[in-house]
């Protein structure tokens, strides 16, 4: 049974971690034994332990939250490889790919790095990543952006994330979310889901919502939390909360991180994803599979989820407050259009983003590398 070591940076459960967890059952069924090197405490470790997956403590940050130096991390990883003796290494993020590339190459260990972000890379980062046997980009846009910066075109391929089409599927609403919020059934609910950050663009949604608040009785939901402790990130979140005291008072709700998104999607009128950059938004896959009408910014890999010919979402330019506001008003007023978008989105998810297909393709990558 080949031993697979997965390397994760964060203790949290964001898109990259959830995408990794979604494929683990397929990896095990294919005869691999996964072991995860990750922070020993937090939601990720808890989720892995609950499913019986071994967690090897690997802390990228010290007790004060500072990133540890690369030489020390690489030395620790080399020791971990000697102790664990995996047959294959899978770095679950670009940062972990850069960390592990030279170490895996030195150990002559087949390895891959998952490119789940679109980032500007320096020459050393490119060299570190090119040490891997293979590089997996979550979208063609992600691949193109990094190959243009010097990543090996021969090593870099596209593997779209998948979604559980049985868990995330169209269902009639039951009204629990309206009840939780103290709202009358039928009040439109518009949600954005993701880490609270400038990159995800919640501020754009808030400004667009403010602009049309007098023309609709809709309520807006921000689902997610801030993880960065940088001062600008704290200020960004504070500004969002301040908006809840103005024209959106009582109509802008912060729900934090939710583990019941499969239930929440069915209660929503619209999902809005106003990101300024998005390699391949997991929330968009889940919303599409759930049969919810989506408005998203046309950035990164979003057009790969919702190509124009599929007519499966409304795409607007990033930072276009007027365009986003208009799209929300249009779809709030046109239930038939929402229904068409929702149906087309579900069809798109079924055709291109089935987790069973994504899991099989990942396993095929593993086997090809071992051969």
Protein backbone atom coordinates (compact mmCIF):
# COMPACT_ATOMS: atom_id res chain seq x y z
CA UNK A 1 0.00 0.00 0.00
CA UNK A 2 1.72 3.24 -1.16
CA UNK A 3 2.15 5.74 1.65
CA UNK A 4 1.10 9.29 0.74
CA UNK A 5 2.25 12.28 2.78
CA UNK A 6 0.10 15.39 2.42
CA UNK A 7 1.70 18.63 3.59
CA UNK A 8 -0.58 21.44 4.82
CA UNK A 9 0.29 24.90 6.12
CA UNK A 10 -2.82 26.06 7.95
CA UNK A 11 -4.84 24.67 10.85
CA UNK A 12 -8.05 26.11 9.40
CA UNK A 13 -10.60 24.69 6.96
CA UNK A 14 -10.57 26.97 3.93
CA UNK A 15 -11.07 26.03 0.29
CA UNK A 16 -7.74 24.26 -0.16
CA UNK A 17 -8.15 22.14 2.94
CA UNK A 18 -11.76 21.29 2.13
CA UNK A 19 -10.81 20.31 -1.41
CA UNK A 20 -8.10 18.03 -0.06
CA UNK A 21 -10.48 16.42 2.44
CA UNK A 22 -13.06 15.85 -0.30
CA UNK A 23 -10.65 13.59 -2.21
CA UNK A 24 -9.32 11.52 0.70
CA UNK A 25 -11.95 8.79 0.48
CA UNK A 26 -11.10 8.21 -3.18
CA UNK A 27 -7.39 8.10 -2.37
CA UNK A 28 -7.99 5.46 0.31
CA UNK A 29 -10.32 3.43 -1.93
CA UNK A 30 -7.59 3.43 -4.58
CA UNK A 31 -5.23 1.69 -2.15
CA UNK A 32 -3.17 4.61 -0.84
CA UNK A 33 -2.48 5.25 2.84
CA UNK A 34 -2.69 9.01 3.44
CA UNK A 35 -0.85 10.69 6.31
CA UNK A 36 -1.11 14.46 6.79
CA UNK A 37 1.65 16.73 8.12
CA UNK A 38 -0.15 19.78 9.47
CA UNK A 39 -0.61 21.93 12.57
CA UNK A 40 -1.58 19.59 15.39
CA UNK A 41 -4.47 21.68 16.69
CA UNK A 42 -7.37 23.29 14.92
CA UNK A 43 -10.31 22.47 12.66
CA UNK A 44 -8.19 20.64 10.06
CA UNK A 45 -6.58 18.30 12.60
CA UNK A 46 -9.98 17.67 14.17
CA UNK A 47 -11.53 16.81 10.81
CA UNK A 48 -8.68 14.46 9.94
CA UNK A 49 -8.75 12.74 13.31
CA UNK A 50 -12.52 12.26 13.07
CA UNK A 51 -12.08 10.38 9.81
CA UNK A 52 -9.22 8.28 11.16
CA UNK A 53 -6.41 9.92 9.18
CA UNK A 54 -3.05 10.14 10.95
CA UNK A 55 -1.80 13.68 11.61
CA UNK A 56 1.91 14.33 11.99
CA UNK A 57 2.55 17.67 13.75
CA UNK A 58 4.19 20.18 11.43
CA UNK A 59 4.05 23.80 12.54
CA UNK A 60 4.93 26.44 9.97
CA UNK A 61 4.45 29.22 12.54
CA UNK A 62 5.87 29.58 16.02
CA UNK A 63 3.89 30.10 19.23
CA UNK A 64 3.68 33.85 18.50
CA UNK A 65 2.24 33.30 15.03
CA UNK A 66 5.45 34.25 13.21
CA UNK A 67 6.44 32.27 10.14
CA UNK A 68 9.43 30.07 10.94
CA UNK A 69 12.54 30.39 8.81
CA UNK A 70 12.75 28.29 5.65
CA UNK A 71 16.02 26.46 6.52
CA UNK A 72 14.59 25.25 9.84
CA UNK A 73 11.34 24.13 8.21
CA UNK A 74 13.17 22.27 5.46
CA UNK A 75 15.41 20.53 7.97
CA UNK A 76 12.36 19.45 9.96
CA UNK A 77 10.62 18.23 6.82
CA UNK A 78 13.68 16.22 5.80
CA UNK A 79 13.66 14.53 9.21
CA UNK A 80 9.95 13.87 8.93
CA UNK A 81 10.46 12.21 5.53
CA UNK A 82 13.14 9.96 6.97
CA UNK A 83 10.85 8.93 9.82
CA UNK A 84 7.65 8.60 7.77
CA UNK A 85 9.23 7.12 4.63
CA UNK A 86 6.38 8.03 2.25
CA UNK A 87 6.26 6.81 -1.33
CA UNK A 88 4.82 10.10 -2.53
CA UNK A 89 4.62 13.70 -1.26
CA UNK A 90 1.71 16.03 -2.04
CA UNK A 91 2.14 19.66 -0.97
CA UNK A 92 -1.40 21.01 -0.66
CA UNK A 93 -0.59 24.64 -1.48
CA UNK A 94 1.81 26.74 -3.45
CA UNK A 95 3.63 27.85 -0.29
CA UNK A 96 4.07 24.26 0.89
CA UNK A 97 5.16 23.37 -2.62
CA UNK A 98 7.92 25.92 -2.49
CA UNK A 99 9.00 24.69 0.94
CA UNK A 100 9.04 21.02 0.01
CA UNK A 101 10.30 21.06 -3.58
CA UNK A 102 14.06 21.05 -2.88
CA UNK A 103 13.62 18.65 0.07
CA UNK A 104 11.72 16.11 -2.01
CA UNK A 105 14.21 16.42 -4.85
CA UNK A 106 17.13 15.85 -2.47
CA UNK A 107 15.37 12.76 -1.10
CA UNK A 108 14.59 11.56 -4.65
CA UNK A 109 10.95 11.34 -3.60
CA UNK A 110 8.17 11.68 -6.23
CA UNK A 111 6.29 14.84 -5.33
CA UNK A 112 3.70 17.29 -6.52
CA UNK A 113 2.61 20.73 -5.47
CA UNK A 114 -0.99 21.93 -5.71
CA UNK A 115 -1.25 25.46 -7.10
CA UNK A 116 -4.41 26.83 -5.49
CA UNK A 117 -3.45 30.52 -5.70
CA UNK A 118 -2.46 32.97 -8.38
CA UNK A 119 0.59 34.75 -7.03
CA UNK A 120 3.53 36.77 -8.27
CA UNK A 121 6.58 34.51 -8.05
CA UNK A 122 10.22 35.43 -7.71
CA UNK A 123 13.00 33.46 -9.44
CA UNK A 124 13.79 31.42 -6.33
CA UNK A 125 10.14 30.47 -5.81
CA UNK A 126 9.95 29.31 -9.42
CA UNK A 127 13.11 27.23 -8.99
CA UNK A 128 11.80 25.66 -5.77
CA UNK A 129 8.47 24.71 -7.34
CA UNK A 130 10.11 23.29 -10.45
CA UNK A 131 11.92 20.78 -8.23
CA UNK A 132 8.66 18.80 -7.99
CA UNK A 133 7.84 15.90 -10.24
CA UNK A 134 4.50 17.45 -11.08
CA UNK A 135 2.55 20.67 -10.48
CA UNK A 136 -1.26 20.69 -10.33
CA UNK A 137 -3.10 23.94 -11.07
CA UNK A 138 -6.75 24.24 -10.04
CA UNK A 139 -7.62 26.08 -13.25
CA UNK A 140 -6.24 26.91 -16.65
CA UNK A 141 -6.01 30.54 -15.53
CA UNK A 142 -3.83 29.48 -12.60
CA UNK A 143 -1.60 27.39 -14.85
CA UNK A 144 -1.22 30.12 -17.44
CA UNK A 145 -0.34 32.75 -14.83
CA UNK A 146 2.42 30.64 -13.33
CA UNK A 147 3.84 29.14 -16.50
CA UNK A 148 4.19 32.71 -17.78
CA UNK A 149 6.41 33.37 -14.77
CA UNK A 150 8.69 30.41 -15.43
CA UNK A 151 7.07 27.28 -14.01
CA UNK A 152 7.73 24.22 -16.15
CA UNK A 153 5.00 23.90 -18.77
CA UNK A 154 5.76 20.19 -19.10
CA UNK A 155 5.26 19.55 -15.38
CA UNK A 156 2.22 21.79 -14.85
CA UNK A 157 -1.24 20.43 -15.60
CA UNK A 158 -4.81 21.42 -14.72
CA UNK A 159 -6.95 19.48 -12.26
CA UNK A 160 -10.23 21.19 -11.45
CA UNK A 161 -11.60 20.70 -7.95
CA UNK A 162 -14.77 18.68 -7.57
CA UNK A 163 -17.84 18.90 -5.39
CA UNK A 164 -20.06 16.27 -3.76
CA UNK A 165 -23.14 16.41 -5.99
CA UNK A 166 -25.22 14.43 -3.50
CA UNK A 167 -24.48 16.61 -0.50
CA UNK A 168 -24.74 19.84 -2.50
CA UNK A 169 -27.89 19.50 -4.57
CA UNK A 170 -31.10 21.45 -5.23
CA UNK A 171 -33.64 21.13 -2.43
CA UNK A 172 -36.69 23.17 -1.44
CA UNK A 173 -36.09 25.69 1.36
CA UNK A 174 -37.33 24.90 4.84
CA UNK A 175 -37.14 28.44 6.22
CA UNK A 176 -34.69 27.79 9.07
CA UNK A 177 -32.37 30.63 8.08
CA UNK A 178 -35.17 33.20 7.98
CA UNK A 179 -36.27 31.97 11.38
CA UNK A 180 -32.73 32.20 12.79
CA UNK A 181 -32.45 35.78 11.52
CA UNK A 182 -35.93 36.75 12.70
CA UNK A 183 -37.15 37.45 9.18
CA UNK A 184 -40.45 36.87 7.44
CA UNK A 185 -40.46 33.97 4.99
CA UNK A 186 -39.96 35.29 1.47
CA UNK A 187 -37.52 38.08 2.30
CA UNK A 188 -34.70 37.74 -0.27
CA UNK A 189 -31.39 36.54 1.16
CA UNK A 190 -28.19 37.35 -0.71
CA UNK A 191 -24.96 35.79 0.58
CA UNK A 192 -21.26 35.98 -0.06
CA UNK A 193 -19.11 33.18 1.30
CA UNK A 194 -15.36 33.17 1.93
CA UNK A 195 -12.52 34.38 4.07
CA UNK A 196 -13.03 38.02 5.02
CA UNK A 197 -10.28 39.73 3.05
CA UNK A 198 -9.65 42.37 0.42
CA UNK A 199 -9.11 39.62 -2.15
CA UNK A 200 -12.63 38.25 -1.64
CA UNK A 201 -14.15 41.70 -2.13
CA UNK A 202 -16.83 41.78 0.57
CA UNK A 203 -16.46 45.55 0.58
CA UNK A 204 -17.65 45.67 -3.02
CA UNK A 205 -20.81 43.77 -2.11
CA UNK A 206 -21.46 46.05 0.85
CA UNK A 207 -21.12 49.17 -1.30
CA UNK A 208 -23.37 47.72 -4.00
CA UNK A 209 -25.92 46.65 -1.39
CA UNK A 210 -25.87 50.13 0.13
CA UNK A 211 -26.53 51.66 -3.28
CA UNK A 212 -29.72 49.62 -3.82
CA UNK A 213 -30.90 49.19 -0.21
CA UNK A 214 -33.77 51.65 -0.77
CA UNK A 215 -35.02 49.69 -3.80
CA UNK A 216 -35.32 46.21 -2.26
CA UNK A 217 -36.19 44.56 1.03
CA UNK A 218 -33.32 42.04 0.62
CA UNK A 219 -30.97 41.14 3.44
CA UNK A 220 -27.28 40.46 2.87
CA UNK A 221 -25.20 37.76 4.60
CA UNK A 222 -21.42 37.67 4.97
CA UNK A 223 -20.39 34.08 5.73
CA UNK A 224 -16.78 33.49 6.75
CA UNK A 225 -14.20 35.02 9.03
CA UNK A 226 -10.93 36.91 8.94
CA UNK A 227 -7.78 34.83 9.43
CA UNK A 228 -5.06 37.37 8.73
CA UNK A 229 -4.00 39.39 11.76
CA UNK A 230 -2.39 42.17 9.74
CA UNK A 231 -3.55 45.66 10.65
CA UNK A 232 -5.01 46.28 7.20
CA UNK A 233 -7.01 43.06 7.45
CA UNK A 234 -8.40 44.03 10.86
CA UNK A 235 -9.31 47.45 9.47
CA UNK A 236 -11.00 45.85 6.45
CA UNK A 237 -13.22 43.77 8.72
CA UNK A 238 -13.96 46.74 10.98
CA UNK A 239 -15.08 48.78 7.96
CA UNK A 240 -17.50 46.01 6.97
CA UNK A 241 -19.04 45.98 10.41
CA UNK A 242 -19.29 49.77 10.36
CA UNK A 243 -21.41 49.50 7.21
CA UNK A 244 -23.93 47.47 9.22
CA UNK A 245 -24.66 50.62 11.22
CA UNK A 246 -25.58 52.78 8.22
CA UNK A 247 -28.22 52.29 5.50
CA UNK A 248 -27.81 48.51 5.89
CA UNK A 249 -28.58 48.57 9.62
CA UNK A 250 -30.45 45.40 10.51
CA UNK A 251 -30.04 44.05 6.99
CA UNK A 252 -26.36 43.06 6.92
CA UNK A 253 -25.64 39.91 8.90
CA UNK A 254 -22.30 38.31 9.78
CA UNK A 255 -22.71 34.55 10.20
CA UNK A 256 -19.07 33.55 10.70
CA UNK A 257 -17.81 30.19 9.47
CA UNK A 258 -20.62 27.71 8.86
CA UNK A 259 -20.31 23.96 8.51
CA UNK A 260 -23.86 23.62 7.17
CA UNK A 261 -23.47 25.36 3.83
CA UNK A 262 -25.33 22.53 2.12
CA UNK A 263 -28.39 23.57 4.19
CA UNK A 264 -27.78 27.30 3.82
CA UNK A 265 -27.53 27.36 0.04
CA UNK A 266 -31.10 26.14 -0.37
CA UNK A 267 -32.36 29.10 1.69
CA UNK A 268 -30.67 31.74 -0.47
CA UNK A 269 -32.07 33.85 -3.26
CA UNK A 270 -28.65 34.71 -4.71
CA UNK A 271 -25.01 33.92 -4.08
CA UNK A 272 -22.69 36.82 -4.88
CA UNK A 273 -18.94 36.30 -5.22
CA UNK A 274 -17.30 39.73 -5.66
CA UNK A 275 -13.69 38.48 -5.52
CA UNK A 276 -10.88 40.54 -6.98
CA UNK A 277 -8.88 37.39 -7.68
CA UNK A 278 -10.07 33.79 -7.67
CA UNK A 279 -8.16 30.76 -9.00
CA UNK A 280 -11.25 28.49 -8.81
CA UNK A 281 -13.74 29.40 -6.10
CA UNK A 282 -14.91 26.36 -4.14
CA UNK A 283 -17.99 28.26 -2.97
CA UNK A 284 -18.94 28.74 -6.61
CA UNK A 285 -18.80 24.99 -7.22
CA UNK A 286 -20.93 24.31 -4.14
CA UNK A 287 -23.45 27.01 -5.03
CA UNK A 288 -23.72 25.74 -8.60
CA UNK A 289 -24.22 22.16 -7.42
CA UNK A 290 -26.88 23.39 -4.98
CA UNK A 291 -28.82 25.04 -7.80
CA UNK A 292 -28.51 28.64 -6.63
CA UNK A 293 -28.37 31.62 -8.97
CA UNK A 294 -24.86 33.11 -8.89
CA UNK A 295 -23.41 36.54 -9.61
CA UNK A 296 -19.60 36.50 -9.69
CA UNK A 297 -16.74 38.65 -10.84
CA UNK A 298 -15.08 37.55 -14.05
CA UNK A 299 -11.62 36.87 -12.64
CA UNK A 300 -9.17 33.96 -12.59
CA UNK A 301 -10.79 30.60 -13.19
CA UNK A 302 -14.39 31.72 -12.65
CA UNK A 303 -15.12 31.65 -16.39
CA UNK A 304 -13.98 28.03 -16.43
CA UNK A 305 -16.76 27.23 -13.96
CA UNK A 306 -19.33 29.37 -15.79
CA UNK A 307 -18.34 29.63 -19.46
CA UNK A 308 -20.41 32.09 -21.45
CA UNK A 309 -22.05 29.42 -23.61
CA UNK A 310 -23.43 27.66 -20.51
CA UNK A 311 -25.48 30.72 -19.42
CA UNK A 312 -25.04 29.43 -15.87
CA UNK A 313 -24.14 32.63 -13.96
CA UNK A 314 -24.07 36.40 -14.26
CA UNK A 315 -20.46 37.58 -14.47
CA UNK A 316 -19.49 41.19 -13.83
CA UNK A 317 -16.12 42.96 -13.85
CA UNK A 318 -14.21 43.17 -10.54
CA UNK A 319 -14.71 46.31 -8.46
CA UNK A 320 -17.74 47.26 -10.57
CA UNK A 321 -20.12 48.44 -7.86
CA UNK A 322 -22.70 49.76 -10.32
CA UNK A 323 -22.60 46.58 -12.40
CA UNK A 324 -22.97 44.35 -9.34
CA UNK A 325 -25.81 46.45 -7.96
CA UNK A 326 -27.62 46.30 -11.30
CA UNK A 327 -27.17 42.53 -11.59
CA UNK A 328 -28.62 42.01 -8.12
CA UNK A 329 -31.64 44.21 -8.86
CA UNK A 330 -32.24 42.48 -12.20
CA UNK A 331 -32.23 39.00 -10.71
CA UNK A 332 -34.22 39.97 -7.64
CA UNK A 333 -36.93 41.24 -9.97
CA UNK A 334 -36.87 38.27 -12.36
CA UNK A 335 -37.61 34.95 -10.71
CA UNK A 336 -37.68 33.13 -14.06
CA UNK A 337 -34.15 34.32 -14.85
CA UNK A 338 -32.95 33.15 -11.44
CA UNK A 339 -34.53 29.77 -12.04
CA UNK A 340 -32.82 29.43 -15.44
CA UNK A 341 -29.44 30.38 -13.99
CA UNK A 342 -29.85 27.97 -11.10
CA UNK A 343 -30.77 25.07 -13.37
CA UNK A 344 -27.92 25.77 -15.76
CA UNK A 345 -25.48 26.03 -12.85
CA UNK A 346 -26.50 22.61 -11.57
CA UNK A 347 -26.08 21.13 -15.05
CA UNK A 348 -22.64 22.69 -15.27
CA UNK A 349 -21.60 21.20 -11.92
CA UNK A 350 -22.81 17.77 -12.98
CA UNK A 351 -20.99 17.97 -16.30
CA UNK A 352 -17.62 19.26 -15.13
CA UNK A 353 -17.13 19.21 -11.35
CA UNK A 354 -18.22 15.85 -9.98
CA UNK A 355 -15.98 14.99 -7.00
CA UNK A 356 -15.88 11.36 -8.15
CA UNK A 357 -14.25 12.43 -11.40
CA UNK A 358 -11.86 14.83 -9.64
CA UNK A 359 -10.88 12.11 -7.15
CA UNK A 360 -10.22 9.58 -9.91
CA UNK A 361 -8.09 12.06 -11.82
CA UNK A 362 -6.03 12.86 -8.74
CA UNK A 363 -5.44 9.16 -8.11
CA UNK A 364 -4.38 8.77 -11.75
CA UNK A 365 -1.79 11.53 -11.21
CA UNK A 366 -0.44 9.70 -8.15
CA UNK A 367 -0.16 6.39 -10.00
CA UNK A 368 1.50 7.99 -12.99
CA UNK A 369 4.12 9.58 -10.74
CA UNK A 370 4.85 6.30 -8.95
CA UNK A 371 5.22 4.48 -12.25
